[in-house]
Amino acid sequence: MGQYWQMLDLDSRTVVLGMGKLGESFFDEGETVRGLLCRAPFDPVPLKYGDLLDTAEEVPATSSLMILPHDIIDVIFGFLSDRVDMLCFAFTSRKCYRAGERHIFAFIKKWADMSAGHRVIIVGEHCIQGDLPEGLELSEREKVELSSKFSDIYHDPADQIDPDQPLTLSRVADYGFKTLPRDERDRGLYSVLSMPVWRRFPSLERSFFRGELRLVDNMMRNIFPDTSARPTDDSILVLRNLSRRLYIPGTAVVRFNQEHGPGRFDTKRDQVRKICLGDAVLARICWCYDGSGAMNYNGLDMHRGVWAGDRFDIVYARDFESEREAEVAAGCSPWRDVAEEVLAEVETIWMADNLISRRDPGDATSESAGSFDDSDSINSDDDGEWD
């Protein structure tokens, strides 16, 4: 029967990716993981008068809400945890929006950062208590949870769960983590929050072309960042393992793709499969006592991932090089390039499923994208800015 796997963001206590049986999704989610670890550009610019807010009809100053001072309205926003509640309260009036803007920007920033810099791990449902990656950073709350039984932490009103069931990483995620909606992850905040906001204003929803509804819609489009702004060109990116000060330049991934062609059994796509920096992460963060994953790969203990629970991000190569130079000047420990060893593992995993094959040297493209050094893209004409 196998087991089901899921990718967890331990810092935000979120299931960021449900994977089913590992072999069913492992080779298709690299780009998703890359997106989770790339920060989307978000520059919170307050809406100004003369802009959208100036077109809003203000609530009369004599209303019970408008006589409250700004600080009290700000405190009210602090008690709102639901994002739709927060948006609807903000859209009540200009005064409410000005008070709530910083709270709205705070949850947008969390979305923009996604899982960058957080502890991430892919766990199988057959985890056992006490079996954790060596050196895994745990909060006090997590230490208590992972040494407890179900009834010590949770209550099941339906009485269908064994109260003496020991809690594991997988079970804590099942009972205590939220799930990141796929639309929110892949399409952005507007796609998941616009309709719930409109439904809070039924009189406006009945007539889409009412000026008030257009105003609310335009405000959301203006403040929510575009998910397509996350970078996807590996040649100008670097994957960093922040926990161990290791990195993989995206240029090494580009060269890997140039040196490999289609495998015999790649029937899922019309084009040749290519790996990305997200696939390098996937190969090293799986964790479970039981290695069953519906995959052909039987080499290294992939279910005992040496990077499971580490912190990662994916940044521009130029930015990384600038930071490295500053750190060297400050006497910090150096970063180590691990592209060769990690991509060798990726190659073995993918070739085991016959999804890629090595090209003959004469068939490789003439473009070069080698190891991360002074001749690579960090010194190209790219300005290192988010598009």
Foldseek 3Di string as FASTA:
>chain_A
DFWWKFKAQVVQLAGEGTCGFCVRPLQPCLLLLQLQFFFFDADFDDDDQVGLQVPDDADDCPDPVNVDDLVVLLVVLVPDPDLLVLLLQLLNGVSSVVSSVVVNVVVLNCLRNRRAQTFMFMETPQADQPDDFPPFDDDPVRVVQSAAFQLVPDDDPVPPDDRRHHDDPNNCSVPPGHYDDPCCSQFHDCVPRLVVNVVVVVVCVVPVPPPSNVSSSVVVVVNTDGSVLGDDQQQFKKKAQVQVLEIARSLAQVQVQLFKFFFDPAPPDPGQDGGGPSSLVSQARAAHPDQGRPALDDPPSSNNGNSHRTHMHMAGPLVVVVVQVVCVVVVHDHHHYPNVVSVVSSVSRCVSRRGMGGDDPVRGDPDHRHGDDPVGDSPPPDPRDGD
